Amino acid sequence: AGLDTALGAVLPWFLVLNAAFCLGLADSAVA
């Protein structure tokens, strides 16, 4: 069940937090 766990539990956190990191980079560059 490793893949299902990765997709359901790990992937959403990783993708959203990665996006938040990118937003921080973009925001700070604009500032």
PDB file of all heavy atoms in Angstrom:
ATOM      1  N   ALA A   1       0.823  -1.221   0.000  1.00  0.00           N
ATOM      2  CA  ALA A   1       0.000   0.000   0.000  1.00  0.00           C
ATOM      3  C   ALA A   1       0.852   1.265   0.000  1.00  0.00           C
ATOM      4  O   ALA A   1       0.343   2.352   0.274  1.00  0.00           O
ATOM      5  CB  ALA A   1      -0.932   0.008   1.200  1.00  0.00           C
ATOM      6  N   GLY A   2       2.125   1.112  -0.304  1.00  0.00           N
ATOM      7  CA  GLY A   2       3.024   2.262  -0.249  1.00  0.00           C
ATOM      8  C   GLY A   2       2.622   3.396  -1.188  1.00  0.00           C
ATOM      9  O   GLY A   2       2.621   4.566  -0.796  1.00  0.00           O
ATOM     10  N   LEU A   3       2.277   3.060  -2.425  1.00  0.00           N
ATOM     11  CA  LEU A   3       1.931   4.098  -3.397  1.00  0.00           C
ATOM     12  C   LEU A   3       0.661   4.841  -2.986  1.00  0.00           C
ATOM     13  O   LEU A   3       0.608   6.075  -3.045  1.00  0.00           O
ATOM     14  CB  LEU A   3       1.757   3.495  -4.789  1.00  0.00           C
ATOM     15  CG  LEU A   3       1.385   4.495  -5.896  1.00  0.00           C
ATOM     16  CD1 LEU A   3       2.455   5.577  -6.039  1.00  0.00           C
ATOM     17  CD2 LEU A   3       1.179   3.766  -7.226  1.00  0.00           C
ATOM     18  N   ASP A   4      -0.345   4.091  -2.547  1.00  0.00           N
ATOM     19  CA  ASP A   4      -1.590   4.740  -2.130  1.00  0.00           C
ATOM     20  C   ASP A   4      -1.357   5.671  -0.944  1.00  0.00           C
ATOM     21  O   ASP A   4      -1.940   6.756  -0.868  1.00  0.00           O
ATOM     22  CB  ASP A   4      -2.635   3.682  -1.769  1.00  0.00           C
ATOM     23  CG  ASP A   4      -3.123   2.918  -2.997  1.00  0.00           C
ATOM     24  OD1 ASP A   4      -3.025   3.475  -4.110  1.00  0.00           O
ATOM     25  OD2 ASP A   4      -3.585   1.771  -2.836  1.00  0.00           O
ATOM     26  N   THR A   5      -0.494   5.249  -0.035  1.00  0.00           N
ATOM     27  CA  THR A   5      -0.185   6.094   1.122  1.00  0.00           C
ATOM     28  C   THR A   5       0.568   7.344   0.689  1.00  0.00           C
ATOM     29  O   THR A   5       0.295   8.452   1.161  1.00  0.00           O
ATOM     30  CB  THR A   5       0.651   5.309   2.147  1.00  0.00           C
ATOM     31  OG1 THR A   5      -0.084   4.167   2.589  1.00  0.00           O
ATOM     32  CG2 THR A   5       1.006   6.179   3.344  1.00  0.00           C
ATOM     33  N   ALA A   6       1.513   7.156  -0.226  1.00  0.00           N
ATOM     34  CA  ALA A   6       2.281   8.300  -0.715  1.00  0.00           C
ATOM     35  C   ALA A   6       1.377   9.311  -1.412  1.00  0.00           C
ATOM     36  O   ALA A   6       1.506  10.522  -1.203  1.00  0.00           O
ATOM     37  CB  ALA A   6       3.378   7.828  -1.665  1.00  0.00           C
ATOM     38  N   LEU A   7       0.452   8.810  -2.221  1.00  0.00           N
ATOM     39  CA  LEU A   7      -0.436   9.707  -2.962  1.00  0.00           C
ATOM     40  C   LEU A   7      -1.460  10.377  -2.054  1.00  0.00           C
ATOM     41  O   LEU A   7      -1.783  11.556  -2.238  1.00  0.00           O
ATOM     42  CB  LEU A   7      -1.164   8.927  -4.066  1.00  0.00           C
ATOM     43  CG  LEU A   7      -0.306   8.389  -5.209  1.00  0.00           C
ATOM     44  CD1 LEU A   7      -1.154   7.575  -6.172  1.00  0.00           C
ATOM     45  CD2 LEU A   7       0.392   9.514  -5.939  1.00  0.00           C
ATOM     46  N   GLY A   8      -1.948   9.635  -1.075  1.00  0.00           N
ATOM     47  CA  GLY A   8      -3.022  10.172  -0.246  1.00  0.00           C
ATOM     48  C   GLY A   8      -2.557  10.969   0.957  1.00  0.00           C
ATOM     49  O   GLY A   8      -3.243  11.899   1.397  1.00  0.00           O
ATOM     50  N   ALA A   9      -1.388  10.619   1.504  1.00  0.00           N
ATOM     51  CA  ALA A   9      -0.933  11.268   2.737  1.00  0.00           C
ATOM     52  C   ALA A   9       0.283  12.150   2.547  1.00  0.00           C
ATOM     53  O   ALA A   9       0.377  13.228   3.131  1.00  0.00           O
ATOM     54  CB  ALA A   9      -0.624  10.195   3.793  1.00  0.00           C
ATOM     55  N   VAL A  10       1.228  11.712   1.744  1.00  0.00           N
ATOM     56  CA  VAL A  10       2.497  12.437   1.612  1.00  0.00           C
ATOM     57  C   VAL A  10       2.445  13.484   0.507  1.00  0.00           C
ATOM     58  O   VAL A  10       2.837  14.643   0.712  1.00  0.00           O
ATOM     59  CB  VAL A  10       3.660  11.457   1.343  1.00  0.00           C
ATOM     60  CG1 VAL A  10       4.969  12.220   1.187  1.00  0.00           C
ATOM     61  CG2 VAL A  10       3.769  10.436   2.471  1.00  0.00           C
ATOM     62  N   LEU A  11       1.969  13.091  -0.662  1.00  0.00           N
ATOM     63  CA  LEU A  11       2.029  13.981  -1.824  1.00  0.00           C
ATOM     64  C   LEU A  11       1.311  15.309  -1.618  1.00  0.00           C
ATOM     65  O   LEU A  11       1.877  16.369  -1.940  1.00  0.00           O
ATOM     66  CB  LEU A  11       1.478  13.264  -3.062  1.00  0.00           C
ATOM     67  CG  LEU A  11       1.728  13.973  -4.397  1.00  0.00           C
ATOM     68  CD1 LEU A  11       3.224  14.035  -4.697  1.00  0.00           C
ATOM     69  CD2 LEU A  11       1.005  13.253  -5.533  1.00  0.00           C
ATOM     70  N   PRO A  12       0.085  15.333  -1.095  1.00  0.00           N
ATOM     71  CA  PRO A  12      -0.572  16.639  -0.917  1.00  0.00           C
ATOM     72  C   PRO A  12       0.236  17.586  -0.037  1.00  0.00           C
ATOM     73  O   PRO A  12       0.367  18.775  -0.350  1.00  0.00           O
ATOM     74  CB  PRO A  12      -1.912  16.265  -0.257  1.00  0.00           C
ATOM     75  CG  PRO A  12      -2.167  14.868  -0.712  1.00  0.00           C
ATOM     76  CD  PRO A  12      -0.820  14.220  -0.738  1.00  0.00           C
ATOM     77  N   TRP A  13       0.781  17.089   1.070  1.00  0.00           N
ATOM     78  CA  TRP A  13       1.591  17.941   1.943  1.00  0.00           C
ATOM     79  C   TRP A  13       2.819  18.462   1.210  1.00  0.00           C
ATOM     80  O   TRP A  13       3.160  19.652   1.282  1.00  0.00           O
ATOM     81  CB  TRP A  13       2.040  17.148   3.181  1.00  0.00           C
ATOM     82  CG  TRP A  13       0.990  17.017   4.224  1.00  0.00           C
ATOM     83  CD1 TRP A  13       0.147  15.954   4.419  1.00  0.00           C
ATOM     84  CD2 TRP A  13       0.647  17.980   5.221  1.00  0.00           C
ATOM     85  NE1 TRP A  13      -0.696  16.197   5.482  1.00  0.00           N
ATOM     86  CE2 TRP A  13      -0.401  17.435   5.996  1.00  0.00           C
ATOM     87  CE3 TRP A  13       1.128  19.248   5.535  1.00  0.00           C
ATOM     88  CZ2 TRP A  13      -0.978  18.118   7.061  1.00  0.00           C
ATOM     89  CZ3 TRP A  13       0.558  19.933   6.605  1.00  0.00           C
ATOM     90  CH2 TRP A  13      -0.481  19.368   7.350  1.00  0.00           C
ATOM     91  N   PHE A  14       3.506  17.553   0.510  1.00  0.00           N
ATOM     92  CA  PHE A  14       4.742  17.959  -0.181  1.00  0.00           C
ATOM     93  C   PHE A  14       4.463  19.001  -1.253  1.00  0.00           C
ATOM     94  O   PHE A  14       5.170  20.007  -1.351  1.00  0.00           O
ATOM     95  CB  PHE A  14       5.411  16.740  -0.817  1.00  0.00           C
ATOM     96  CG  PHE A  14       6.622  17.092  -1.629  1.00  0.00           C
ATOM     97  CD1 PHE A  14       7.819  17.414  -1.012  1.00  0.00           C
ATOM     98  CD2 PHE A  14       6.555  17.124  -3.017  1.00  0.00           C
ATOM     99  CE1 PHE A  14       8.938  17.764  -1.762  1.00  0.00           C
ATOM    100  CE2 PHE A  14       7.665  17.478  -3.769  1.00  0.00           C
ATOM    101  CZ  PHE A  14       8.856  17.787  -3.142  1.00  0.00           C
ATOM    102  N   LEU A  15       3.433  18.790  -2.052  1.00  0.00           N
ATOM    103  CA  LEU A  15       3.150  19.711  -3.147  1.00  0.00           C
ATOM    104  C   LEU A  15       2.702  21.073  -2.632  1.00  0.00           C
ATOM    105  O   LEU A  15       3.137  22.116  -3.144  1.00  0.00           O
ATOM    106  CB  LEU A  15       2.074  19.115  -4.068  1.00  0.00           C
ATOM    107  CG  LEU A  15       2.456  17.835  -4.815  1.00  0.00           C
ATOM    108  CD1 LEU A  15       1.329  17.402  -5.747  1.00  0.00           C
ATOM    109  CD2 LEU A  15       3.745  18.012  -5.601  1.00  0.00           C
ATOM    110  N   VAL A  16       1.856  21.082  -1.613  1.00  0.00           N
ATOM    111  CA  VAL A  16       1.368  22.352  -1.075  1.00  0.00           C
ATOM    112  C   VAL A  16       2.491  23.116  -0.374  1.00  0.00           C
ATOM    113  O   VAL A  16       2.642  24.338  -0.554  1.00  0.00           O
ATOM    114  CB  VAL A  16       0.182  22.108  -0.117  1.00  0.00           C
ATOM    115  CG1 VAL A  16      -0.149  23.376   0.660  1.00  0.00           C
ATOM    116  CG2 VAL A  16      -1.037  21.642  -0.903  1.00  0.00           C
ATOM    117  N   LEU A  17       3.299  22.428   0.414  1.00  0.00           N
ATOM    118  CA  LEU A  17       4.396  23.106   1.105  1.00  0.00           C
ATOM    119  C   LEU A  17       5.459  23.585   0.121  1.00  0.00           C
ATOM    120  O   LEU A  17       6.066  24.653   0.305  1.00  0.00           O
ATOM    121  CB  LEU A  17       5.011  22.168   2.147  1.00  0.00           C
ATOM    122  CG  LEU A  17       4.127  21.872   3.361  1.00  0.00           C
ATOM    123  CD1 LEU A  17       4.780  20.828   4.260  1.00  0.00           C
ATOM    124  CD2 LEU A  17       3.852  23.145   4.149  1.00  0.00           C
ATOM    125  N   ASN A  18       5.692  22.815  -0.936  1.00  0.00           N
ATOM    126  CA  ASN A  18       6.627  23.250  -1.972  1.00  0.00           C
ATOM    127  C   ASN A  18       6.111  24.518  -2.635  1.00  0.00           C
ATOM    128  O   ASN A  18       6.874  25.459  -2.900  1.00  0.00           O
ATOM    129  CB  ASN A  18       6.814  22.130  -3.002  1.00  0.00           C
ATOM    130  CG  ASN A  18       7.968  22.388  -3.940  1.00  0.00           C
ATOM    131  OD1 ASN A  18       7.919  23.299  -4.754  1.00  0.00           O
ATOM    132  ND2 ASN A  18       9.005  21.579  -3.831  1.00  0.00           N
ATOM    133  N   ALA A  19       4.815  24.559  -2.894  1.00  0.00           N
ATOM    134  CA  ALA A  19       4.209  25.750  -3.499  1.00  0.00           C
ATOM    135  C   ALA A  19       4.329  26.953  -2.575  1.00  0.00           C
ATOM    136  O   ALA A  19       4.580  28.080  -3.018  1.00  0.00           O
ATOM    137  CB  ALA A  19       2.742  25.478  -3.842  1.00  0.00           C
ATOM    138  N   ALA A  20       4.133  26.725  -1.274  1.00  0.00           N
ATOM    139  CA  ALA A  20       4.257  27.818  -0.311  1.00  0.00           C
ATOM    140  C   ALA A  20       5.682  28.360  -0.283  1.00  0.00           C
ATOM    141  O   ALA A  20       5.910  29.570  -0.174  1.00  0.00           O
ATOM    142  CB  ALA A  20       3.847  27.337   1.079  1.00  0.00           C
ATOM    143  N   PHE A  21       6.652  27.465  -0.381  1.00  0.00           N
ATOM    144  CA  PHE A  21       8.063  27.878  -0.448  1.00  0.00           C
ATOM    145  C   PHE A  21       8.302  28.735  -1.692  1.00  0.00           C
ATOM    146  O   PHE A  21       8.958  29.782  -1.628  1.00  0.00           O
ATOM    147  CB  PHE A  21       8.940  26.628  -0.473  1.00  0.00           C
ATOM    148  CG  PHE A  21      10.384  26.896  -0.789  1.00  0.00           C
ATOM    149  CD1 PHE A  21      11.228  27.430   0.173  1.00  0.00           C
ATOM    150  CD2 PHE A  21      10.897  26.606  -2.045  1.00  0.00           C
ATOM    151  CE1 PHE A  21      12.562  27.675  -0.115  1.00  0.00           C
ATOM    152  CE2 PHE A  21      12.219  26.851  -2.337  1.00  0.00           C
ATOM    153  CZ  PHE A  21      13.063  27.390  -1.376  1.00  0.00           C
ATOM    154  N   CYS A  22       7.748  28.299  -2.814  1.00  0.00           N
ATOM    155  CA  CYS A  22       7.901  29.061  -4.059  1.00  0.00           C
ATOM    156  C   CYS A  22       7.252  30.435  -3.945  1.00  0.00           C
ATOM    157  O   CYS A  22       7.794  31.434  -4.440  1.00  0.00           O
ATOM    158  CB  CYS A  22       7.290  28.290  -5.229  1.00  0.00           C
ATOM    159  SG  CYS A  22       8.217  26.837  -5.730  1.00  0.00           S
ATOM    160  N   LEU A  23       6.086  30.491  -3.305  1.00  0.00           N
ATOM    161  CA  LEU A  23       5.426  31.776  -3.107  1.00  0.00           C
ATOM    162  C   LEU A  23       6.297  32.693  -2.259  1.00  0.00           C
ATOM    163  O   LEU A  23       6.397  33.896  -2.532  1.00  0.00           O
ATOM    164  CB  LEU A  23       4.065  31.572  -2.439  1.00  0.00           C
ATOM    165  CG  LEU A  23       3.315  32.850  -2.053  1.00  0.00           C
ATOM    166  CD1 LEU A  23       3.048  33.724  -3.271  1.00  0.00           C
ATOM    167  CD2 LEU A  23       2.004  32.510  -1.340  1.00  0.00           C
ATOM    168  N   GLY A  24       6.921  32.141  -1.235  1.00  0.00           N
ATOM    169  CA  GLY A  24       7.816  32.937  -0.407  1.00  0.00           C
ATOM    170  C   GLY A  24       8.971  33.506  -1.205  1.00  0.00           C
ATOM    171  O   GLY A  24       9.360  34.676  -1.032  1.00  0.00           O
ATOM    172  N   LEU A  25       9.535  32.697  -2.092  1.00  0.00           N
ATOM    173  CA  LEU A  25      10.615  33.177  -2.951  1.00  0.00           C
ATOM    174  C   LEU A  25      10.137  34.304  -3.860  1.00  0.00           C
ATOM    175  O   LEU A  25      10.805  35.342  -4.000  1.00  0.00           O
ATOM    176  CB  LEU A  25      11.164  32.028  -3.812  1.00  0.00           C
ATOM    177  CG  LEU A  25      12.031  30.988  -3.127  1.00  0.00           C
ATOM    178  CD1 LEU A  25      12.379  29.876  -4.113  1.00  0.00           C
ATOM    179  CD2 LEU A  25      13.313  31.611  -2.582  1.00  0.00           C
ATOM    180  N   ALA A  26       8.979  34.094  -4.489  1.00  0.00           N
ATOM    181  CA  ALA A  26       8.446  35.109  -5.403  1.00  0.00           C
ATOM    182  C   ALA A  26       8.124  36.394  -4.654  1.00  0.00           C
ATOM    183  O   ALA A  26       8.456  37.498  -5.103  1.00  0.00           O
ATOM    184  CB  ALA A  26       7.196  34.570  -6.102  1.00  0.00           C
ATOM    185  N   ASP A  27       7.474  36.272  -3.506  1.00  0.00           N
ATOM    186  CA  ASP A  27       7.117  37.442  -2.706  1.00  0.00           C
ATOM    187  C   ASP A  27       8.353  38.243  -2.292  1.00  0.00           C
ATOM    188  O   ASP A  27       8.381  39.471  -2.389  1.00  0.00           O
ATOM    189  CB  ASP A  27       6.369  37.009  -1.442  1.00  0.00           C
ATOM    190  CG  ASP A  27       4.863  37.150  -1.599  1.00  0.00           C
ATOM    191  OD1 ASP A  27       4.417  37.799  -2.559  1.00  0.00           O
ATOM    192  OD2 ASP A  27       4.133  36.624  -0.747  1.00  0.00           O
ATOM    193  N   SER A  28       9.367  37.534  -1.806  1.00  0.00           N
ATOM    194  CA  SER A  28      10.560  38.223  -1.330  1.00  0.00           C
ATOM    195  C   SER A  28      11.337  38.855  -2.477  1.00  0.00           C
ATOM    196  O   SER A  28      11.932  39.925  -2.320  1.00  0.00           O
ATOM    197  CB  SER A  28      11.458  37.263  -0.544  1.00  0.00           C
ATOM    198  OG  SER A  28      11.885  36.187  -1.359  1.00  0.00           O
ATOM    199  N   ALA A  29      11.305  38.220  -3.641  1.00  0.00           N
ATOM    200  CA  ALA A  29      11.977  38.802  -4.807  1.00  0.00           C
ATOM    201  C   ALA A  29      11.269  40.079  -5.249  1.00  0.00           C
ATOM    202  O   ALA A  29      11.928  41.073  -5.591  1.00  0.00           O
ATOM    203  CB  ALA A  29      12.010  37.794  -5.957  1.00  0.00           C
ATOM    204  N   VAL A  30       9.940  40.058  -5.245  1.00  0.00           N
ATOM    205  CA  VAL A  30       9.180  41.251  -5.606  1.00  0.00           C
ATOM    206  C   VAL A  30       9.452  42.377  -4.607  1.00  0.00           C
ATOM    207  O   VAL A  30       9.665  43.539  -4.983  1.00  0.00           O
ATOM    208  CB  VAL A  30       7.670  40.942  -5.665  1.00  0.00           C
ATOM    209  CG1 VAL A  30       6.849  42.222  -5.772  1.00  0.00           C
ATOM    210  CG2 VAL A  30       7.359  40.033  -6.853  1.00  0.00           C
ATOM    211  N   ALA A  31       9.465  42.045  -3.319  1.00  0.00           N
ATOM    212  CA  ALA A  31       9.705  43.059  -2.290  1.00  0.00           C
ATOM    213  C   ALA A  31      11.098  43.666  -2.428  1.00  0.00           C
ATOM    214  O   ALA A  31      11.270  44.893  -2.346  1.00  0.00           O
ATOM    215  CB  ALA A  31       9.531  42.442  -0.908  1.00  0.00           C
TER     216      ALA A  31
END
